[in-house]
């Protein structure tokens, strides 16, 4: 039944096991350790109200919730969201620095 009538996008391919299969026991552990550090840093930015955290943490959190089903972060469908949100964060941060600099110059 799974081969003929199931939707491949909804089948579990073992998201938690993927890095262990690809990189071995040590590599999979290092992968999840680095992902945990990155997500922890994004959460701190999110909790502090920083722009990069507000933009990127929700998308990465959805990937964390989807982890038992499949590795969302490595899927091609998530790449455009990560790229666009990262670029928006870069542009908005540069713009905010420019505005702050102009404000300081005007007050001087």
PDB file of N, CA and C in Angstrom:
ATOM      1  N   UNK A   1       0.813  -1.186   0.000  1.00  0.00           N
ATOM      2  CA  UNK A   1       0.000   0.000   0.000  1.00  0.00           C
ATOM      3  C   UNK A   1       0.868   1.266   0.000  1.00  0.00           C
ATOM      4  N   UNK A   2       1.950   1.274   0.793  1.00  0.00           N
ATOM      5  CA  UNK A   2       2.811   2.443   0.825  1.00  0.00           C
ATOM      6  C   UNK A   2       3.465   2.710  -0.526  1.00  0.00           C
ATOM      7  N   UNK A   3       3.813   1.669  -1.247  1.00  0.00           N
ATOM      8  CA  UNK A   3       4.476   1.848  -2.533  1.00  0.00           C
ATOM      9  C   UNK A   3       3.533   2.385  -3.602  1.00  0.00           C
ATOM     10  N   UNK A   4       2.253   2.035  -3.539  1.00  0.00           N
ATOM     11  CA  UNK A   4       1.339   2.407  -4.622  1.00  0.00           C
ATOM     12  C   UNK A   4       0.454   3.603  -4.298  1.00  0.00           C
ATOM     13  N   UNK A   5       0.073   3.802  -3.041  1.00  0.00           N
ATOM     14  CA  UNK A   5      -0.920   4.821  -2.732  1.00  0.00           C
ATOM     15  C   UNK A   5      -0.449   5.912  -1.776  1.00  0.00           C
ATOM     16  N   UNK A   6       0.767   5.828  -1.280  1.00  0.00           N
ATOM     17  CA  UNK A   6       1.228   6.816  -0.299  1.00  0.00           C
ATOM     18  C   UNK A   6       1.879   8.005  -1.001  1.00  0.00           C
ATOM     19  N   UNK A   7       1.814   9.128  -0.344  1.00  0.00           N
ATOM     20  CA  UNK A   7       2.464  10.334  -0.834  1.00  0.00           C
ATOM     21  C   UNK A   7       3.911  10.323  -0.336  1.00  0.00           C
ATOM     22  N   UNK A   8       4.906  10.328  -1.240  1.00  0.00           N
ATOM     23  CA  UNK A   8       6.302  10.263  -0.782  1.00  0.00           C
ATOM     24  C   UNK A   8       6.700  11.439   0.117  1.00  0.00           C
ATOM     25  N   UNK A   9       6.064  12.590  -0.043  1.00  0.00           N
ATOM     26  CA  UNK A   9       6.411  13.744   0.793  1.00  0.00           C
ATOM     27  C   UNK A   9       5.975  13.540   2.234  1.00  0.00           C
ATOM     28  N   UNK A  10       5.027  12.642   2.482  1.00  0.00           N
ATOM     29  CA  UNK A  10       4.526  12.421   3.834  1.00  0.00           C
ATOM     30  C   UNK A  10       5.080  11.153   4.477  1.00  0.00           C
ATOM     31  N   UNK A  11       5.889  10.411   3.788  1.00  0.00           N
ATOM     32  CA  UNK A  11       6.484   9.207   4.361  1.00  0.00           C
ATOM     33  C   UNK A  11       7.718   9.573   5.163  1.00  0.00           C
ATOM     34  N   UNK A  12       7.912   8.901   6.264  1.00  0.00           N
ATOM     35  CA  UNK A  12       9.066   9.156   7.101  1.00  0.00           C
ATOM     36  C   UNK A  12      10.293   8.477   6.509  1.00  0.00           C
ATOM     37  N   UNK A  13      11.316   9.274   6.230  1.00  0.00           N
ATOM     38  CA  UNK A  13      12.580   8.708   5.759  1.00  0.00           C
ATOM     39  C   UNK A  13      13.606   8.698   6.882  1.00  0.00           C
ATOM     40  N   UNK A  14      13.152   8.946   8.092  1.00  0.00           N
ATOM     41  CA  UNK A  14      14.043   8.881   9.251  1.00  0.00           C
ATOM     42  C   UNK A  14      14.946  10.083   9.381  1.00  0.00           C
ATOM     43  N   UNK A  15      14.360  11.236   9.643  1.00  0.00           N
ATOM     44  CA  UNK A  15      15.128  12.467   9.735  1.00  0.00           C
ATOM     45  C   UNK A  15      16.207  12.443  10.799  1.00  0.00           C
ATOM     46  N   UNK A  16      15.933  11.820  11.926  1.00  0.00           N
ATOM     47  CA  UNK A  16      16.920  11.775  13.003  1.00  0.00           C
ATOM     48  C   UNK A  16      18.065  10.854  12.622  1.00  0.00           C
ATOM     49  N   UNK A  17      17.774   9.807  11.870  1.00  0.00           N
ATOM     50  CA  UNK A  17      18.807   8.836  11.524  1.00  0.00           C
ATOM     51  C   UNK A  17      19.662   9.272  10.343  1.00  0.00           C
ATOM     52  N   UNK A  18      19.187  10.222   9.529  1.00  0.00           N
ATOM     53  CA  UNK A  18      19.897  10.612   8.318  1.00  0.00           C
ATOM     54  C   UNK A  18      21.352  11.015   8.531  1.00  0.00           C
ATOM     55  N   UNK A  19      21.635  11.951   9.445  1.00  0.00           N
ATOM     56  CA  UNK A  19      23.037  12.326   9.661  1.00  0.00           C
ATOM     57  C   UNK A  19      23.902  11.175  10.183  1.00  0.00           C
ATOM     58  N   UNK A  20      23.316  10.270  10.949  1.00  0.00           N
ATOM     59  CA  UNK A  20      24.083   9.125  11.444  1.00  0.00           C
ATOM     60  C   UNK A  20      24.394   8.149  10.316  1.00  0.00           C
ATOM     61  N   UNK A  21      23.457   8.002   9.385  1.00  0.00           N
ATOM     62  CA  UNK A  21      23.695   7.129   8.238  1.00  0.00           C
ATOM     63  C   UNK A  21      24.764   7.742   7.335  1.00  0.00           C
ATOM     64  N   UNK A  22      24.678   9.045   7.117  1.00  0.00           N
ATOM     65  CA  UNK A  22      25.625   9.715   6.220  1.00  0.00           C
ATOM     66  C   UNK A  22      27.009   9.863   6.832  1.00  0.00           C
ATOM     67  N   UNK A  23      27.093  10.255   8.100  1.00  0.00           N
ATOM     68  CA  UNK A  23      28.372  10.623   8.711  1.00  0.00           C
ATOM     69  C   UNK A  23      28.877   9.631   9.762  1.00  0.00           C
ATOM     70  N   UNK A  24      28.125   8.605  10.064  1.00  0.00           N
ATOM     71  CA  UNK A  24      28.524   7.658  11.100  1.00  0.00           C
ATOM     72  C   UNK A  24      28.096   8.155  12.479  1.00  0.00           C
ATOM     73  N   UNK A  25      28.439   7.379  13.497  1.00  0.00           N
ATOM     74  CA  UNK A  25      28.017   7.717  14.863  1.00  0.00           C
ATOM     75  C   UNK A  25      28.645   9.022  15.362  1.00  0.00           C
ATOM     76  N   UNK A  26      29.923   9.166  15.166  1.00  0.00           N
ATOM     77  CA  UNK A  26      30.613  10.365  15.648  1.00  0.00           C
ATOM     78  C   UNK A  26      30.175  11.581  14.833  1.00  0.00           C
ATOM     79  N   UNK A  27      30.135  11.443  13.521  1.00  0.00           N
ATOM     80  CA  UNK A  27      29.743  12.559  12.664  1.00  0.00           C
ATOM     81  C   UNK A  27      28.312  13.003  12.903  1.00  0.00           C
ATOM     82  N   UNK A  28      27.395  12.049  13.107  1.00  0.00           N
ATOM     83  CA  UNK A  28      26.006  12.392  13.402  1.00  0.00           C
ATOM     84  C   UNK A  28      25.867  13.126  14.720  1.00  0.00           C
ATOM     85  N   UNK A  29      26.641  12.697  15.718  1.00  0.00           N
ATOM     86  CA  UNK A  29      26.618  13.373  17.009  1.00  0.00           C
ATOM     87  C   UNK A  29      27.164  14.792  16.886  1.00  0.00           C
ATOM     88  N   UNK A  30      28.246  14.945  16.149  1.00  0.00           N
ATOM     89  CA  UNK A  30      28.812  16.290  15.934  1.00  0.00           C
ATOM     90  C   UNK A  30      27.820  17.157  15.167  1.00  0.00           C
ATOM     91  N   UNK A  31      27.163  16.581  14.156  1.00  0.00           N
ATOM     92  CA  UNK A  31      26.168  17.325  13.376  1.00  0.00           C
ATOM     93  C   UNK A  31      25.074  17.884  14.282  1.00  0.00           C
ATOM     94  N   UNK A  32      24.491  17.024  15.121  1.00  0.00           N
ATOM     95  CA  UNK A  32      23.413  17.480  15.991  1.00  0.00           C
ATOM     96  C   UNK A  32      23.913  18.421  17.087  1.00  0.00           C
ATOM     97  N   UNK A  33      25.152  18.255  17.515  1.00  0.00           N
ATOM     98  CA  UNK A  33      25.723  19.198  18.476  1.00  0.00           C
ATOM     99  C   UNK A  33      25.832  20.590  17.851  1.00  0.00           C
ATOM    100  N   UNK A  34      26.346  20.655  16.618  1.00  0.00           N
ATOM    101  CA  UNK A  34      26.468  21.945  15.935  1.00  0.00           C
ATOM    102  C   UNK A  34      25.105  22.558  15.627  1.00  0.00           C
ATOM    103  N   UNK A  35      24.139  21.729  15.242  1.00  0.00           N
ATOM    104  CA  UNK A  35      22.773  22.219  15.003  1.00  0.00           C
ATOM    105  C   UNK A  35      22.192  22.780  16.302  1.00  0.00           C
ATOM    106  N   UNK A  36      22.432  22.096  17.407  1.00  0.00           N
ATOM    107  CA  UNK A  36      21.945  22.578  18.700  1.00  0.00           C
ATOM    108  C   UNK A  36      22.559  23.908  19.095  1.00  0.00           C
ATOM    109  N   UNK A  37      23.864  24.058  18.866  1.00  0.00           N
ATOM    110  CA  UNK A  37      24.511  25.340  19.151  1.00  0.00           C
ATOM    111  C   UNK A  37      23.931  26.452  18.282  1.00  0.00           C
ATOM    112  N   UNK A  38      23.755  26.171  17.001  1.00  0.00           N
ATOM    113  CA  UNK A  38      23.216  27.165  16.078  1.00  0.00           C
ATOM    114  C   UNK A  38      21.786  27.551  16.454  1.00  0.00           C
ATOM    115  N   UNK A  39      20.942  26.552  16.758  1.00  0.00           N
ATOM    116  CA  UNK A  39      19.565  26.844  17.145  1.00  0.00           C
ATOM    117  C   UNK A  39      19.500  27.574  18.481  1.00  0.00           C
ATOM    118  N   UNK A  40      20.386  27.241  19.400  1.00  0.00           N
ATOM    119  CA  UNK A  40      20.437  27.965  20.664  1.00  0.00           C
ATOM    120  C   UNK A  40      20.807  29.424  20.463  1.00  0.00           C
ATOM    121  N   UNK A  41      21.760  29.662  19.571  1.00  0.00           N
ATOM    122  CA  UNK A  41      22.145  31.051  19.274  1.00  0.00           C
ATOM    123  C   UNK A  41      20.992  31.793  18.608  1.00  0.00           C
ATOM    124  N   UNK A  42      20.317  31.148  17.649  1.00  0.00           N
ATOM    125  CA  UNK A  42      19.161  31.779  17.009  1.00  0.00           C
ATOM    126  C   UNK A  42      18.057  32.069  18.021  1.00  0.00           C
ATOM    127  N   UNK A  43      17.851  31.154  18.975  1.00  0.00           N
ATOM    128  CA  UNK A  43      16.822  31.381  19.992  1.00  0.00           C
ATOM    129  C   UNK A  43      17.159  32.595  20.857  1.00  0.00           C
ATOM    130  N   UNK A  44      18.440  32.718  21.213  1.00  0.00           N
ATOM    131  CA  UNK A  44      18.836  33.885  22.019  1.00  0.00           C
ATOM    132  C   UNK A  44      18.600  35.179  21.260  1.00  0.00           C
ATOM    133  N   UNK A  45      18.900  35.173  19.949  1.00  0.00           N
ATOM    134  CA  UNK A  45      18.622  36.350  19.125  1.00  0.00           C
ATOM    135  C   UNK A  45      17.123  36.613  19.045  1.00  0.00           C
ATOM    136  N   UNK A  46      16.346  35.543  18.914  1.00  0.00           N
ATOM    137  CA  UNK A  46      14.885  35.656  18.845  1.00  0.00           C
ATOM    138  C   UNK A  46      14.324  36.222  20.140  1.00  0.00           C
ATOM    139  N   UNK A  47      14.776  35.690  21.261  1.00  0.00           N
ATOM    140  CA  UNK A  47      14.270  36.137  22.568  1.00  0.00           C
ATOM    141  C   UNK A  47      14.663  37.583  22.868  1.00  0.00           C
ATOM    142  N   UNK A  48      15.805  38.013  22.329  1.00  0.00           N
ATOM    143  CA  UNK A  48      16.249  39.388  22.538  1.00  0.00           C
ATOM    144  C   UNK A  48      15.588  40.359  21.564  1.00  0.00           C
ATOM    145  N   UNK A  49      14.817  39.840  20.617  1.00  0.00           N
ATOM    146  CA  UNK A  49      14.143  40.698  19.662  1.00  0.00           C
ATOM    147  C   UNK A  49      15.036  41.175  18.530  1.00  0.00           C
ATOM    148  N   UNK A  50      16.171  40.503  18.311  1.00  0.00           N
ATOM    149  CA  UNK A  50      17.078  40.881  17.218  1.00  0.00           C
ATOM    150  C   UNK A  50      16.504  40.414  15.887  1.00  0.00           C
ATOM    151  N   UNK A  51      16.771  41.168  14.844  1.00  0.00           N
ATOM    152  CA  UNK A  51      16.159  40.929  13.544  1.00  0.00           C
ATOM    153  C   UNK A  51      16.476  39.544  12.987  1.00  0.00           C
ATOM    154  N   UNK A  52      17.751  39.135  13.002  1.00  0.00           N
ATOM    155  CA  UNK A  52      18.097  37.825  12.466  1.00  0.00           C
ATOM    156  C   UNK A  52      17.371  36.711  13.221  1.00  0.00           C
ATOM    157  N   UNK A  53      17.264  36.825  14.523  1.00  0.00           N
ATOM    158  CA  UNK A  53      16.541  35.825  15.293  1.00  0.00           C
ATOM    159  C   UNK A  53      15.060  35.794  14.959  1.00  0.00           C
ATOM    160  N   UNK A  54      14.470  36.980  14.821  1.00  0.00           N
ATOM    161  CA  UNK A  54      13.045  37.056  14.496  1.00  0.00           C
ATOM    162  C   UNK A  54      12.750  36.500  13.113  1.00  0.00           C
ATOM    163  N   UNK A  55      13.680  36.646  12.194  1.00  0.00           N
ATOM    164  CA  UNK A  55      13.459  36.144  10.842  1.00  0.00           C
ATOM    165  C   UNK A  55      13.769  34.658  10.708  1.00  0.00           C
ATOM    166  N   UNK A  56      14.896  34.214  11.260  1.00  0.00           N
ATOM    167  CA  UNK A  56      15.365  32.860  10.985  1.00  0.00           C
ATOM    168  C   UNK A  56      14.913  31.807  11.996  1.00  0.00           C
ATOM    169  N   UNK A  57      14.765  32.168  13.259  1.00  0.00           N
ATOM    170  CA  UNK A  57      14.437  31.147  14.259  1.00  0.00           C
ATOM    171  C   UNK A  57      13.119  30.420  13.975  1.00  0.00           C
ATOM    172  N   UNK A  58      12.040  31.105  13.596  1.00  0.00           N
ATOM    173  CA  UNK A  58      10.808  30.349  13.334  1.00  0.00           C
ATOM    174  C   UNK A  58      10.948  29.312  12.230  1.00  0.00           C
ATOM    175  N   UNK A  59      11.689  29.616  11.178  1.00  0.00           N
ATOM    176  CA  UNK A  59      11.866  28.648  10.090  1.00  0.00           C
ATOM    177  C   UNK A  59      12.697  27.463  10.566  1.00  0.00           C
ATOM    178  N   UNK A  60      13.761  27.731  11.312  1.00  0.00           N
ATOM    179  CA  UNK A  60      14.581  26.637  11.834  1.00  0.00           C
ATOM    180  C   UNK A  60      13.832  25.841  12.904  1.00  0.00           C
ATOM    181  N   UNK A  61      12.948  26.488  13.657  1.00  0.00           N
ATOM    182  CA  UNK A  61      12.155  25.780  14.657  1.00  0.00           C
ATOM    183  C   UNK A  61      11.177  24.807  14.000  1.00  0.00           C
ATOM    184  N   UNK A  62      10.589  25.214  12.884  1.00  0.00           N
ATOM    185  CA  UNK A  62       9.714  24.291  12.142  1.00  0.00           C
ATOM    186  C   UNK A  62      10.521  23.073  11.709  1.00  0.00           C
ATOM    187  N   UNK A  63      11.752  23.295  11.273  1.00  0.00           N
ATOM    188  CA  UNK A  63      12.616  22.171  10.922  1.00  0.00           C
ATOM    189  C   UNK A  63      12.894  21.267  12.109  1.00  0.00           C
ATOM    190  N   UNK A  64      13.005  21.851  13.291  1.00  0.00           N
ATOM    191  CA  UNK A  64      13.215  21.055  14.493  1.00  0.00           C
ATOM    192  C   UNK A  64      11.984  20.209  14.810  1.00  0.00           C
ATOM    193  N   UNK A  65      10.799  20.786  14.620  1.00  0.00           N
ATOM    194  CA  UNK A  65       9.570  20.020  14.853  1.00  0.00           C
ATOM    195  C   UNK A  65       9.396  18.906  13.822  1.00  0.00           C
ATOM    196  N   UNK A  66       9.863  19.124  12.612  1.00  0.00           N
ATOM    197  CA  UNK A  66       9.740  18.132  11.545  1.00  0.00           C
ATOM    198  C   UNK A  66      10.840  17.075  11.590  1.00  0.00           C
ATOM    199  N   UNK A  67      11.810  17.231  12.473  1.00  0.00           N
ATOM    200  CA  UNK A  67      12.971  16.351  12.505  1.00  0.00           C
ATOM    201  C   UNK A  67      12.639  14.864  12.630  1.00  0.00           C
ATOM    202  N   UNK A  68      11.669  14.445  13.449  1.00  0.00           N
ATOM    203  CA  UNK A  68      11.382  13.011  13.501  1.00  0.00           C
ATOM    204  C   UNK A  68      10.857  12.452  12.175  1.00  0.00           C
ATOM    205  N   UNK A  69      10.273  13.300  11.366  1.00  0.00           N
ATOM    206  CA  UNK A  69       9.711  12.848  10.095  1.00  0.00           C
ATOM    207  C   UNK A  69      10.749  12.871   8.980  1.00  0.00           C
ATOM    208  N   UNK A  70      11.398  14.001   8.782  1.00  0.00           N
ATOM    209  CA  UNK A  70      12.480  14.107   7.799  1.00  0.00           C
ATOM    210  C   UNK A  70      13.336  15.322   8.123  1.00  0.00           C
ATOM    211  N   UNK A  71      14.520  15.344   7.543  1.00  0.00           N
ATOM    212  CA  UNK A  71      15.468  16.417   7.800  1.00  0.00           C
ATOM    213  C   UNK A  71      15.101  17.609   6.920  1.00  0.00           C
ATOM    214  N   UNK A  72      14.245  18.474   7.450  1.00  0.00           N
ATOM    215  CA  UNK A  72      13.679  19.607   6.718  1.00  0.00           C
ATOM    216  C   UNK A  72      14.746  20.575   6.233  1.00  0.00           C
ATOM    217  N   UNK A  73      15.799  20.775   7.023  1.00  0.00           N
ATOM    218  CA  UNK A  73      16.810  21.775   6.695  1.00  0.00           C
ATOM    219  C   UNK A  73      17.584  21.396   5.443  1.00  0.00           C
ATOM    220  N   UNK A  74      17.680  20.135   5.135  1.00  0.00           N
ATOM    221  CA  UNK A  74      18.440  19.691   3.960  1.00  0.00           C
ATOM    222  C   UNK A  74      17.568  19.567   2.713  1.00  0.00           C
ATOM    223  N   UNK A  75      16.274  19.758   2.846  1.00  0.00           N
ATOM    224  CA  UNK A  75      15.380  19.657   1.693  1.00  0.00           C
ATOM    225  C   UNK A  75      15.484  20.904   0.833  1.00  0.00           C
ATOM    226  N   UNK A  76      15.379  20.743  -0.454  1.00  0.00           N
ATOM    227  CA  UNK A  76      15.455  21.861  -1.366  1.00  0.00           C
ATOM    228  C   UNK A  76      14.338  22.871  -1.185  1.00  0.00           C
ATOM    229  N   UNK A  77      13.200  22.431  -0.674  1.00  0.00           N
ATOM    230  CA  UNK A  77      12.067  23.345  -0.515  1.00  0.00           C
ATOM    231  C   UNK A  77      12.277  24.365   0.596  1.00  0.00           C
ATOM    232  N   UNK A  78      13.206  24.116   1.497  1.00  0.00           N
ATOM    233  CA  UNK A  78      13.459  25.084   2.564  1.00  0.00           C
ATOM    234  C   UNK A  78      14.578  26.064   2.215  1.00  0.00           C
ATOM    235  N   UNK A  79      15.390  25.735   1.238  1.00  0.00           N
ATOM    236  CA  UNK A  79      16.519  26.597   0.872  1.00  0.00           C
ATOM    237  C   UNK A  79      16.098  28.004   0.455  1.00  0.00           C
ATOM    238  N   UNK A  80      15.069  28.179  -0.388  1.00  0.00           N
ATOM    239  CA  UNK A  80      14.680  29.554  -0.738  1.00  0.00           C
ATOM    240  C   UNK A  80      14.258  30.382   0.477  1.00  0.00           C
ATOM    241  N   UNK A  81      13.556  29.780   1.403  1.00  0.00           N
ATOM    242  CA  UNK A  81      13.134  30.514   2.601  1.00  0.00           C
ATOM    243  C   UNK A  81      14.344  30.956   3.412  1.00  0.00           C
ATOM    244  N   UNK A  82      15.304  30.053   3.628  1.00  0.00           N
ATOM    245  CA  UNK A  82      16.503  30.411   4.383  1.00  0.00           C
ATOM    246  C   UNK A  82      17.278  31.512   3.677  1.00  0.00           C
ATOM    247  N   UNK A  83      17.456  31.384   2.381  1.00  0.00           N
ATOM    248  CA  UNK A  83      18.229  32.355   1.625  1.00  0.00           C
ATOM    249  C   UNK A  83      17.570  33.734   1.628  1.00  0.00           C
ATOM    250  N   UNK A  84      16.278  33.790   1.349  1.00  0.00           N
ATOM    251  CA  UNK A  84      15.572  35.076   1.284  1.00  0.00           C
ATOM    252  C   UNK A  84      15.536  35.741   2.656  1.00  0.00           C
ATOM    253  N   UNK A  85      15.253  34.991   3.704  1.00  0.00           N
ATOM    254  CA  UNK A  85      15.211  35.584   5.036  1.00  0.00           C
ATOM    255  C   UNK A  85      16.586  36.065   5.484  1.00  0.00           C
ATOM    256  N   UNK A  86      17.636  35.325   5.130  1.00  0.00           N
ATOM    257  CA  UNK A  86      18.984  35.757   5.469  1.00  0.00           C
ATOM    258  C   UNK A  86      19.328  37.045   4.730  1.00  0.00           C
ATOM    259  N   UNK A  87      18.992  37.125   3.446  1.00  0.00           N
ATOM    260  CA  UNK A  87      19.272  38.346   2.679  1.00  0.00           C
ATOM    261  C   UNK A  87      18.466  39.534   3.199  1.00  0.00           C
ATOM    262  N   UNK A  88      17.213  39.313   3.562  1.00  0.00           N
ATOM    263  CA  UNK A  88      16.401  40.386   4.146  1.00  0.00           C
ATOM    264  C   UNK A  88      17.043  40.872   5.451  1.00  0.00           C
ATOM    265  N   UNK A  89      17.521  39.936   6.255  1.00  0.00           N
ATOM    266  CA  UNK A  89      18.194  40.316   7.499  1.00  0.00           C
ATOM    267  C   UNK A  89      19.448  41.139   7.250  1.00  0.00           C
ATOM    268  N   UNK A  90      20.243  40.746   6.243  1.00  0.00           N
ATOM    269  CA  UNK A  90      21.444  41.507   5.914  1.00  0.00           C
ATOM    270  C   UNK A  90      21.109  42.923   5.455  1.00  0.00           C
ATOM    271  N   UNK A  91      20.158  43.035   4.557  1.00  0.00           N
ATOM    272  CA  UNK A  91      19.781  44.353   4.025  1.00  0.00           C
ATOM    273  C   UNK A  91      19.192  45.223   5.135  1.00  0.00           C
ATOM    274  N   UNK A  92      18.308  44.655   5.938  1.00  0.00           N
ATOM    275  CA  UNK A  92      17.676  45.437   7.005  1.00  0.00           C
ATOM    276  C   UNK A  92      18.698  45.855   8.062  1.00  0.00           C
ATOM    277  N   UNK A  93      19.653  44.978   8.375  1.00  0.00           N
ATOM    278  CA  UNK A  93      20.682  45.344   9.352  1.00  0.00           C
ATOM    279  C   UNK A  93      21.578  46.454   8.818  1.00  0.00           C
ATOM    280  N   UNK A  94      21.956  46.360   7.550  1.00  0.00           N
ATOM    281  CA  UNK A  94      22.782  47.410   6.952  1.00  0.00           C
ATOM    282  C   UNK A  94      22.020  48.734   6.925  1.00  0.00           C
ATOM    283  N   UNK A  95      20.748  48.659   6.606  1.00  0.00           N
ATOM    284  CA  UNK A  95      19.921  49.877   6.575  1.00  0.00           C
ATOM    285  C   UNK A  95      19.808  50.487   7.975  1.00  0.00           C
ATOM    286  N   UNK A  96      19.627  49.646   8.984  1.00  0.00           N
ATOM    287  CA  UNK A  96      19.514  50.148  10.359  1.00  0.00           C
ATOM    288  C   UNK A  96      20.819  50.808  10.804  1.00  0.00           C
ATOM    289  N   UNK A  97      21.966  50.218  10.444  1.00  0.00           N
ATOM    290  CA  UNK A  97      23.254  50.843  10.782  1.00  0.00           C
ATOM    291  C   UNK A  97      23.404  52.184  10.085  1.00  0.00           C
ATOM    292  N   UNK A  98      22.984  52.251   8.831  1.00  0.00           N
ATOM    293  CA  UNK A  98      23.058  53.501   8.070  1.00  0.00           C
ATOM    294  C   UNK A  98      22.188  54.577   8.718  1.00  0.00           C
ATOM    295  N   UNK A  99      20.977  54.225   9.102  1.00  0.00           N
ATOM    296  CA  UNK A  99      20.063  55.182   9.726  1.00  0.00           C
ATOM    297  C   UNK A  99      20.612  55.648  11.064  1.00  0.00           C
ATOM    298  N   UNK A 100      21.157  54.740  11.863  1.00  0.00           N
ATOM    299  CA  UNK A 100      21.747  55.128  13.144  1.00  0.00           C
ATOM    300  C   UNK A 100      22.919  56.075  12.942  1.00  0.00           C
ATOM    301  N   UNK A 101      23.760  55.780  11.957  1.00  0.00           N
ATOM    302  CA  UNK A 101      24.905  56.642  11.672  1.00  0.00           C
ATOM    303  C   UNK A 101      24.441  58.028  11.237  1.00  0.00           C
ATOM    304  N   UNK A 102      23.422  58.085  10.401  1.00  0.00           N
ATOM    305  CA  UNK A 102      22.904  59.380   9.951  1.00  0.00           C
ATOM    306  C   UNK A 102      22.309  60.160  11.129  1.00  0.00           C
ATOM    307  N   UNK A 103      21.628  59.464  12.035  1.00  0.00           N
ATOM    308  CA  UNK A 103      21.034  60.105  13.197  1.00  0.00           C
ATOM    309  C   UNK A 103      22.116  60.710  14.091  1.00  0.00           C
ATOM    310  N   UNK A 104      23.209  59.966  14.294  1.00  0.00           N
ATOM    311  CA  UNK A 104      24.309  60.464  15.112  1.00  0.00           C
ATOM    312  C   UNK A 104      24.957  61.667  14.447  1.00  0.00           C
ATOM    313  N   UNK A 105      25.121  61.605  13.106  1.00  0.00           N
ATOM    314  CA  UNK A 105      25.705  62.746  12.400  1.00  0.00           C
ATOM    315  C   UNK A 105      24.820  63.980  12.501  1.00  0.00           C
ATOM    316  N   UNK A 106      23.521  63.810  12.456  1.00  0.00           N
ATOM    317  CA  UNK A 106      22.614  64.943  12.545  1.00  0.00           C
ATOM    318  C   UNK A 106      22.619  65.578  13.934  1.00  0.00           C
ATOM    319  N   UNK A 107      22.820  64.767  14.950  1.00  0.00           N
ATOM    320  CA  UNK A 107      22.830  65.290  16.325  1.00  0.00           C
ATOM    321  C   UNK A 107      24.136  66.008  16.633  1.00  0.00           C
ATOM    322  N   UNK A 108      25.181  65.734  15.872  1.00  0.00           N
ATOM    323  CA  UNK A 108      26.494  66.353  16.135  1.00  0.00           C
ATOM    324  C   UNK A 108      26.573  67.763  15.644  1.00  0.00           C
TER     325      UNK A 108
END
